[in-house]
Amino acid sequence: MKLKLALMVGALALAGCNSETPATKGAARQSGGPAIAVQGDEQRILAIGDSLFAGYGLKPGESYPARLEAALRATGVNARITNAGVSGDTSADIRQRLAFTLDNQPSPPALVIVELGGNDLLRALPPEQLRANLDAVLTELKRRDLPVLVMGMLAPPNLGKAYGDKFNPIYTELAKQHDAMLVPFFLQAVIGKPELVQADHLHPTAPGVEAIVQSTLSAVSKILPQPDRPPSP
């Protein structure tokens, strides 16, 4: 079922097809620059979320997790991202499958990126449910001693001020409570920019995904250990 949600000035769909993240091997090339060889041990990242991670309407390899992996490797980070985005998932769905997903990773991830709540907004579910579910997700990740980056969402104005006042602080408050890093609004880079969404005015285009990657790359990089660099001459 295709689920749609208006967010702020623009709108993006929060349902679609899941896409795998293809591995990017060897050296990566920064735009217009020389190739940079990846360095250090492989750092596995788990990206768990809804269809904003799944890559609706995009080609294989154009999802956010795939492009984030490529961007990290372009800086020399030996990153490998598992895309655990499932279209249509609510925060309750992600909470329910979290342990199973973690237990089936080949090794504990160096970072878990959590993106949830959009489908809660679509269904106008009580913010208290999101708070309880995100709290449970972060509690489990903290119990496993896993670094976390939370991708925040904002309630659209059509849900009313009272709803937004309850929903919007949840990500900030819980990230602080659980010592997790936070991107306040995951979709900020594409809101109000029609050239970065598909023709249906709902889904991010490949350039839209790239914009989101660039706006969140520094937050991801701050958490991951950086590869050793040779000293400058």
C-alpha atoms as a PDB file:
ATOM      1  CA  MET A   1       0.000   0.000   0.000  1.00  0.00           C
ATOM      2  CA  LYS A   2       1.352   3.382  -0.938  1.00  0.00           C
ATOM      3  CA  LEU A   3       1.378   5.771   1.974  1.00  0.00           C
ATOM      4  CA  LYS A   4       1.688   9.522   1.467  1.00  0.00           C
ATOM      5  CA  LEU A   5       2.494  12.340   3.841  1.00  0.00           C
ATOM      6  CA  ALA A   6       2.677  16.096   3.354  1.00  0.00           C
ATOM      7  CA  LEU A   7       5.644  17.495   5.228  1.00  0.00           C
ATOM      8  CA  MET A   8       6.107  21.215   5.773  1.00  0.00           C
ATOM      9  CA  VAL A   9       6.226  23.071   2.439  1.00  0.00           C
ATOM     10  CA  GLY A  10       6.698  19.987   0.274  1.00  0.00           C
ATOM     11  CA  ALA A  11       5.665  16.357   0.500  1.00  0.00           C
ATOM     12  CA  LEU A  12       7.386  13.020   0.288  1.00  0.00           C
ATOM     13  CA  ALA A  13       5.911   9.529   0.197  1.00  0.00           C
ATOM     14  CA  LEU A  14       6.693   7.283   3.107  1.00  0.00           C
ATOM     15  CA  ALA A  15       5.959   4.035   1.318  1.00  0.00           C
ATOM     16  CA  GLY A  16       7.577   2.274  -1.548  1.00  0.00           C
ATOM     17  CA  CYS A  17       9.826  -0.547  -2.576  1.00  0.00           C
ATOM     18  CA  ASN A  18      12.788  -1.617  -0.484  1.00  0.00           C
ATOM     19  CA  SER A  19      16.105  -1.516  -2.308  1.00  0.00           C
ATOM     20  CA  GLU A  20      19.381  -3.138  -1.348  1.00  0.00           C
ATOM     21  CA  THR A  21      22.551  -1.144  -0.903  1.00  0.00           C
ATOM     22  CA  PRO A  22      25.159  -2.360  -3.400  1.00  0.00           C
ATOM     23  CA  ALA A  23      28.699  -2.458  -2.120  1.00  0.00           C
ATOM     24  CA  THR A  24      31.125   0.163  -3.349  1.00  0.00           C
ATOM     25  CA  LYS A  25      34.519  -1.491  -3.659  1.00  0.00           C
ATOM     26  CA  GLY A  26      38.062  -0.212  -3.883  1.00  0.00           C
ATOM     27  CA  ALA A  27      38.863   3.447  -4.213  1.00  0.00           C
ATOM     28  CA  ALA A  28      36.151   6.083  -4.335  1.00  0.00           C
ATOM     29  CA  ARG A  29      36.316   9.296  -6.327  1.00  0.00           C
ATOM     30  CA  GLN A  30      35.179  12.643  -5.023  1.00  0.00           C
ATOM     31  CA  SER A  31      33.384  14.810  -7.564  1.00  0.00           C
ATOM     32  CA  GLY A  32      36.002  16.521  -9.688  1.00  0.00           C
ATOM     33  CA  GLY A  33      38.824  15.223  -7.504  1.00  0.00           C
ATOM     34  CA  PRO A  34      41.335  12.386  -7.392  1.00  0.00           C
ATOM     35  CA  ALA A  35      40.477   8.873  -6.270  1.00  0.00           C
ATOM     36  CA  ILE A  36      40.832   8.287  -2.525  1.00  0.00           C
ATOM     37  CA  ALA A  37      41.544   4.747  -1.369  1.00  0.00           C
ATOM     38  CA  VAL A  38      39.433   3.567   1.549  1.00  0.00           C
ATOM     39  CA  GLN A  39      41.476   2.984   4.672  1.00  0.00           C
ATOM     40  CA  GLY A  40      41.237   1.050   7.900  1.00  0.00           C
ATOM     41  CA  ASP A  41      38.992  -1.775   8.990  1.00  0.00           C
ATOM     42  CA  GLU A  42      35.537  -2.094   7.476  1.00  0.00           C
ATOM     43  CA  GLN A  43      32.952  -0.186   9.466  1.00  0.00           C
ATOM     44  CA  ARG A  44      29.519  -1.727   9.212  1.00  0.00           C
ATOM     45  CA  ILE A  45      26.520   0.560   9.577  1.00  0.00           C
ATOM     46  CA  LEU A  46      22.901  -0.501   9.992  1.00  0.00           C
ATOM     47  CA  ALA A  47      20.299   1.891   8.549  1.00  0.00           C
ATOM     48  CA  ILE A  48      16.887   0.941   9.900  1.00  0.00           C
ATOM     49  CA  GLY A  49      13.790   2.888   8.927  1.00  0.00           C
ATOM     50  CA  ASP A  50      10.823   3.172   6.577  1.00  0.00           C
ATOM     51  CA  SER A  51      10.652   3.882   2.843  1.00  0.00           C
ATOM     52  CA  LEU A  52      12.707   7.049   3.163  1.00  0.00           C
ATOM     53  CA  PHE A  53      15.591   4.597   3.393  1.00  0.00           C
ATOM     54  CA  ALA A  54      14.107   2.159   0.879  1.00  0.00           C
ATOM     55  CA  GLY A  55      14.494   4.326  -2.220  1.00  0.00           C
ATOM     56  CA  TYR A  56      11.009   4.486  -3.752  1.00  0.00           C
ATOM     57  CA  GLY A  57      11.042   5.310  -7.472  1.00  0.00           C
ATOM     58  CA  LEU A  58      14.824   5.223  -7.646  1.00  0.00           C
ATOM     59  CA  LYS A  59      17.234   2.896  -9.394  1.00  0.00           C
ATOM     60  CA  PRO A  60      19.194   0.284  -7.432  1.00  0.00           C
ATOM     61  CA  GLY A  61      22.030   2.014  -5.648  1.00  0.00           C
ATOM     62  CA  GLU A  62      20.247   5.393  -5.397  1.00  0.00           C
ATOM     63  CA  SER A  63      18.694   4.975  -1.953  1.00  0.00           C
ATOM     64  CA  TYR A  64      19.900   7.089   0.955  1.00  0.00           C
ATOM     65  CA  PRO A  65      21.902   4.259   2.587  1.00  0.00           C
ATOM     66  CA  ALA A  66      23.577   3.403  -0.744  1.00  0.00           C
ATOM     67  CA  ARG A  67      24.543   7.000  -1.494  1.00  0.00           C
ATOM     68  CA  LEU A  68      25.663   7.620   2.092  1.00  0.00           C
ATOM     69  CA  GLU A  69      27.982   4.622   1.815  1.00  0.00           C
ATOM     70  CA  ALA A  70      29.439   6.001  -1.398  1.00  0.00           C
ATOM     71  CA  ALA A  71      29.900   9.453   0.164  1.00  0.00           C
ATOM     72  CA  LEU A  72      31.703   8.006   3.181  1.00  0.00           C
ATOM     73  CA  ARG A  73      33.975   5.913   0.982  1.00  0.00           C
ATOM     74  CA  ALA A  74      34.757   8.993  -1.082  1.00  0.00           C
ATOM     75  CA  THR A  75      36.302  10.455   2.064  1.00  0.00           C
ATOM     76  CA  GLY A  76      38.371   7.315   2.655  1.00  0.00           C
ATOM     77  CA  VAL A  77      36.100   5.709   5.250  1.00  0.00           C
ATOM     78  CA  ASN A  78      35.781   1.946   4.739  1.00  0.00           C
ATOM     79  CA  ALA A  79      32.006   1.956   5.290  1.00  0.00           C
ATOM     80  CA  ARG A  80      29.557  -0.804   4.459  1.00  0.00           C
ATOM     81  CA  ILE A  81      25.864   0.024   5.058  1.00  0.00           C
ATOM     82  CA  THR A  82      23.067  -2.504   5.435  1.00  0.00           C
ATOM     83  CA  ASN A  83      19.761  -1.042   4.260  1.00  0.00           C
ATOM     84  CA  ALA A  84      17.027  -2.210   6.631  1.00  0.00           C
ATOM     85  CA  GLY A  85      14.416   0.231   5.360  1.00  0.00           C
ATOM     86  CA  VAL A  86      10.943  -1.300   5.055  1.00  0.00           C
ATOM     87  CA  SER A  87       8.210   0.623   3.302  1.00  0.00           C
ATOM     88  CA  GLY A  88       5.176   1.549   5.347  1.00  0.00           C
ATOM     89  CA  ASP A  89       6.765   0.777   8.716  1.00  0.00           C
ATOM     90  CA  THR A  90       5.538   2.728  11.707  1.00  0.00           C
ATOM     91  CA  SER A  91       7.648   3.264  14.804  1.00  0.00           C
ATOM     92  CA  ALA A  92       5.892   0.251  16.325  1.00  0.00           C
ATOM     93  CA  ASP A  93       6.926  -1.940  13.385  1.00  0.00           C
ATOM     94  CA  ILE A  94      10.549  -0.858  13.654  1.00  0.00           C
ATOM     95  CA  ARG A  95      10.535  -1.433  17.383  1.00  0.00           C
ATOM     96  CA  GLN A  96       9.136  -4.927  16.841  1.00  0.00           C
ATOM     97  CA  ARG A  97      11.790  -6.003  14.322  1.00  0.00           C
ATOM     98  CA  LEU A  98      14.794  -4.243  15.845  1.00  0.00           C
ATOM     99  CA  ALA A  99      16.167  -7.154  17.891  1.00  0.00           C
ATOM    100  CA  PHE A 100      15.697  -9.603  15.026  1.00  0.00           C
ATOM    101  CA  THR A 101      17.475  -7.255  12.628  1.00  0.00           C
ATOM    102  CA  LEU A 102      20.385  -6.702  15.013  1.00  0.00           C
ATOM    103  CA  ASP A 103      20.725 -10.390  15.827  1.00  0.00           C
ATOM    104  CA  ASN A 104      21.027 -11.214  12.135  1.00  0.00           C
ATOM    105  CA  GLN A 105      23.903  -8.845  11.388  1.00  0.00           C
ATOM    106  CA  PRO A 106      27.253 -10.563  10.688  1.00  0.00           C
ATOM    107  CA  SER A 107      28.805  -8.486  13.486  1.00  0.00           C
ATOM    108  CA  PRO A 108      27.672  -5.672  15.779  1.00  0.00           C
ATOM    109  CA  PRO A 109      27.459  -2.481  13.682  1.00  0.00           C
ATOM    110  CA  ALA A 110      29.781   0.430  14.307  1.00  0.00           C
ATOM    111  CA  LEU A 111      26.742   2.702  13.996  1.00  0.00           C
ATOM    112  CA  VAL A 112      22.969   2.335  13.832  1.00  0.00           C
ATOM    113  CA  ILE A 113      21.032   5.042  11.964  1.00  0.00           C
ATOM    114  CA  VAL A 114      17.389   5.175  13.085  1.00  0.00           C
ATOM    115  CA  GLU A 115      14.749   6.836  10.902  1.00  0.00           C
ATOM    116  CA  LEU A 116      11.125   6.443  11.972  1.00  0.00           C
ATOM    117  CA  GLY A 117       7.935   8.340  12.696  1.00  0.00           C
ATOM    118  CA  GLY A 118       6.797   9.448   9.240  1.00  0.00           C
ATOM    119  CA  ASN A 119       4.091   6.837   8.975  1.00  0.00           C
ATOM    120  CA  ASP A 120       3.010   7.630  12.516  1.00  0.00           C
ATOM    121  CA  LEU A 121       2.391  11.154  11.253  1.00  0.00           C
ATOM    122  CA  LEU A 122       0.536   9.908   8.218  1.00  0.00           C
ATOM    123  CA  ARG A 123      -1.860   7.946  10.378  1.00  0.00           C
ATOM    124  CA  ALA A 124      -2.014  10.735  12.975  1.00  0.00           C
ATOM    125  CA  LEU A 125      -1.076   8.194  15.645  1.00  0.00           C
ATOM    126  CA  PRO A 126      -0.797   9.597  19.163  1.00  0.00           C
ATOM    127  CA  PRO A 127       2.652  11.139  19.736  1.00  0.00           C
ATOM    128  CA  GLU A 128       2.806   9.192  22.974  1.00  0.00           C
ATOM    129  CA  GLN A 129       3.089   6.000  20.907  1.00  0.00           C
ATOM    130  CA  LEU A 130       6.043   7.373  18.960  1.00  0.00           C
ATOM    131  CA  ARG A 131       7.714   8.432  22.196  1.00  0.00           C
ATOM    132  CA  ALA A 132       7.285   4.985  23.734  1.00  0.00           C
ATOM    133  CA  ASN A 133       8.510   3.188  20.616  1.00  0.00           C
ATOM    134  CA  LEU A 134      11.546   5.405  19.998  1.00  0.00           C
ATOM    135  CA  ASP A 135      12.400   5.202  23.698  1.00  0.00           C
ATOM    136  CA  ALA A 136      12.308   1.387  23.486  1.00  0.00           C
ATOM    137  CA  VAL A 137      14.454   1.369  20.329  1.00  0.00           C
ATOM    138  CA  LEU A 138      17.083   3.647  21.865  1.00  0.00           C
ATOM    139  CA  THR A 139      17.025   1.709  25.132  1.00  0.00           C
ATOM    140  CA  GLU A 140      17.791  -1.537  23.295  1.00  0.00           C
ATOM    141  CA  LEU A 141      20.570   0.029  21.254  1.00  0.00           C
ATOM    142  CA  LYS A 142      22.107   1.554  24.373  1.00  0.00           C
ATOM    143  CA  ARG A 143      21.874  -1.817  26.136  1.00  0.00           C
ATOM    144  CA  ARG A 144      23.935  -3.292  23.296  1.00  0.00           C
ATOM    145  CA  ASP A 145      26.400  -0.393  23.550  1.00  0.00           C
ATOM    146  CA  LEU A 146      25.843   0.644  19.929  1.00  0.00           C
ATOM    147  CA  PRO A 147      26.418   4.233  18.740  1.00  0.00           C
ATOM    148  CA  VAL A 148      23.218   5.760  17.349  1.00  0.00           C
ATOM    149  CA  LEU A 149      22.263   8.556  14.986  1.00  0.00           C
ATOM    150  CA  VAL A 150      18.575   9.505  15.078  1.00  0.00           C
ATOM    151  CA  MET A 151      16.984  11.106  12.031  1.00  0.00           C
ATOM    152  CA  GLY A 152      14.316  13.456  13.358  1.00  0.00           C
ATOM    153  CA  MET A 153      10.962  14.298  11.802  1.00  0.00           C
ATOM    154  CA  LEU A 154       8.595  17.254  12.171  1.00  0.00           C
ATOM    155  CA  ALA A 155       4.808  17.187  12.242  1.00  0.00           C
ATOM    156  CA  PRO A 156       3.123  18.893   9.263  1.00  0.00           C
ATOM    157  CA  PRO A 157       1.037  21.972  10.105  1.00  0.00           C
ATOM    158  CA  ASN A 158      -2.200  20.326   8.984  1.00  0.00           C
ATOM    159  CA  LEU A 159      -2.114  18.105  12.081  1.00  0.00           C
ATOM    160  CA  GLY A 160      -2.515  21.167  14.251  1.00  0.00           C
ATOM    161  CA  LYS A 161      -0.378  23.044  16.740  1.00  0.00           C
ATOM    162  CA  ALA A 162      -1.347  20.874  19.688  1.00  0.00           C
ATOM    163  CA  TYR A 163      -0.230  17.735  17.866  1.00  0.00           C
ATOM    164  CA  GLY A 164       3.034  19.342  16.730  1.00  0.00           C
ATOM    165  CA  ASP A 165       3.790  20.603  20.224  1.00  0.00           C
ATOM    166  CA  LYS A 166       3.638  17.011  21.481  1.00  0.00           C
ATOM    167  CA  PHE A 167       5.346  15.360  18.497  1.00  0.00           C
ATOM    168  CA  ASN A 168       8.227  17.666  17.566  1.00  0.00           C
ATOM    169  CA  PRO A 169      10.200  17.628  20.860  1.00  0.00           C
ATOM    170  CA  ILE A 170      10.265  13.820  21.058  1.00  0.00           C
ATOM    171  CA  TYR A 171      13.417  13.274  18.991  1.00  0.00           C
ATOM    172  CA  THR A 172      15.449  15.956  20.761  1.00  0.00           C
ATOM    173  CA  GLU A 173      14.406  14.879  24.230  1.00  0.00           C
ATOM    174  CA  LEU A 174      14.990  11.162  23.695  1.00  0.00           C
ATOM    175  CA  ALA A 175      18.272  11.628  21.835  1.00  0.00           C
ATOM    176  CA  LYS A 176      19.559  13.670  24.766  1.00  0.00           C
ATOM    177  CA  GLN A 177      18.232  11.158  27.289  1.00  0.00           C
ATOM    178  CA  HIS A 178      19.962   8.242  25.543  1.00  0.00           C
ATOM    179  CA  ASP A 179      23.166  10.064  24.523  1.00  0.00           C
ATOM    180  CA  ALA A 180      22.395   9.617  20.828  1.00  0.00           C
ATOM    181  CA  MET A 181      23.360  12.030  18.064  1.00  0.00           C
ATOM    182  CA  LEU A 182      20.457  13.744  16.307  1.00  0.00           C
ATOM    183  CA  VAL A 183      19.740  15.196  12.889  1.00  0.00           C
ATOM    184  CA  PRO A 184      16.775  17.428  13.828  1.00  0.00           C
ATOM    185  CA  PHE A 185      14.891  17.083  10.509  1.00  0.00           C
ATOM    186  CA  PHE A 186      16.001  14.392   8.060  1.00  0.00           C
ATOM    187  CA  LEU A 187      14.167  15.932   5.077  1.00  0.00           C
ATOM    188  CA  GLN A 188      15.303  19.518   5.561  1.00  0.00           C
ATOM    189  CA  ALA A 189      17.475  19.551   2.424  1.00  0.00           C
ATOM    190  CA  VAL A 190      14.580  18.856   0.038  1.00  0.00           C
ATOM    191  CA  ILE A 191      11.668  20.683   1.607  1.00  0.00           C
ATOM    192  CA  GLY A 192      10.420  23.504  -0.617  1.00  0.00           C
ATOM    193  CA  LYS A 193      12.655  22.430  -3.525  1.00  0.00           C
ATOM    194  CA  PRO A 194      10.431  20.872  -6.221  1.00  0.00           C
ATOM    195  CA  GLU A 195      13.448  20.090  -8.404  1.00  0.00           C
ATOM    196  CA  LEU A 196      14.550  17.577  -5.762  1.00  0.00           C
ATOM    197  CA  VAL A 197      11.333  15.553  -5.762  1.00  0.00           C
ATOM    198  CA  GLN A 198       9.874  13.259  -8.385  1.00  0.00           C
ATOM    199  CA  ALA A 199       7.121  14.190 -10.830  1.00  0.00           C
ATOM    200  CA  ASP A 200       4.450  13.064  -8.367  1.00  0.00           C
ATOM    201  CA  HIS A 201       5.724  15.799  -5.989  1.00  0.00           C
ATOM    202  CA  LEU A 202       6.034  13.158  -3.292  1.00  0.00           C
ATOM    203  CA  HIS A 203       9.255  11.199  -3.605  1.00  0.00           C
ATOM    204  CA  PRO A 204      12.850  12.472  -3.566  1.00  0.00           C
ATOM    205  CA  THR A 205      14.710  12.181  -6.841  1.00  0.00           C
ATOM    206  CA  ALA A 206      18.255  10.863  -7.021  1.00  0.00           C
ATOM    207  CA  PRO A 207      19.572  14.458  -6.711  1.00  0.00           C
ATOM    208  CA  GLY A 208      17.228  14.901  -3.759  1.00  0.00           C
ATOM    209  CA  VAL A 209      18.791  11.907  -2.043  1.00  0.00           C
ATOM    210  CA  GLU A 210      22.228  13.363  -2.753  1.00  0.00           C
ATOM    211  CA  ALA A 211      21.172  16.619  -1.100  1.00  0.00           C
ATOM    212  CA  ILE A 212      20.013  14.739   1.988  1.00  0.00           C
ATOM    213  CA  VAL A 213      23.269  12.785   2.074  1.00  0.00           C
ATOM    214  CA  GLN A 214      25.337  15.956   1.923  1.00  0.00           C
ATOM    215  CA  SER A 215      23.285  17.579   4.678  1.00  0.00           C
ATOM    216  CA  THR A 216      23.733  14.590   7.013  1.00  0.00           C
ATOM    217  CA  LEU A 217      27.218  13.348   6.101  1.00  0.00           C
ATOM    218  CA  SER A 218      29.031  15.366   8.747  1.00  0.00           C
ATOM    219  CA  ALA A 219      26.793  13.984  11.503  1.00  0.00           C
ATOM    220  CA  VAL A 220      27.557  10.421  10.416  1.00  0.00           C
ATOM    221  CA  SER A 221      31.274  11.135  10.066  1.00  0.00           C
ATOM    222  CA  LYS A 222      31.492  12.560  13.589  1.00  0.00           C
ATOM    223  CA  ILE A 223      30.365   9.252  15.075  1.00  0.00           C
ATOM    224  CA  LEU A 224      32.518   6.886  13.023  1.00  0.00           C
ATOM    225  CA  PRO A 225      36.205   6.417  13.850  1.00  0.00           C
ATOM    226  CA  GLN A 226      38.243   8.159  11.180  1.00  0.00           C
ATOM    227  CA  PRO A 227      40.904   6.242   9.241  1.00  0.00           C
ATOM    228  CA  ASP A 228      44.499   7.016  10.116  1.00  0.00           C
ATOM    229  CA  ARG A 229      46.010   9.574   7.791  1.00  0.00           C
ATOM    230  CA  PRO A 230      49.720   9.824   7.032  1.00  0.00           C
ATOM    231  CA  PRO A 231      51.275  12.946   8.589  1.00  0.00           C
ATOM    232  CA  SER A 232      51.565  15.986   6.368  1.00  0.00           C
ATOM    233  CA  PRO A 233      55.080  16.609   5.045  1.00  0.00           C
END
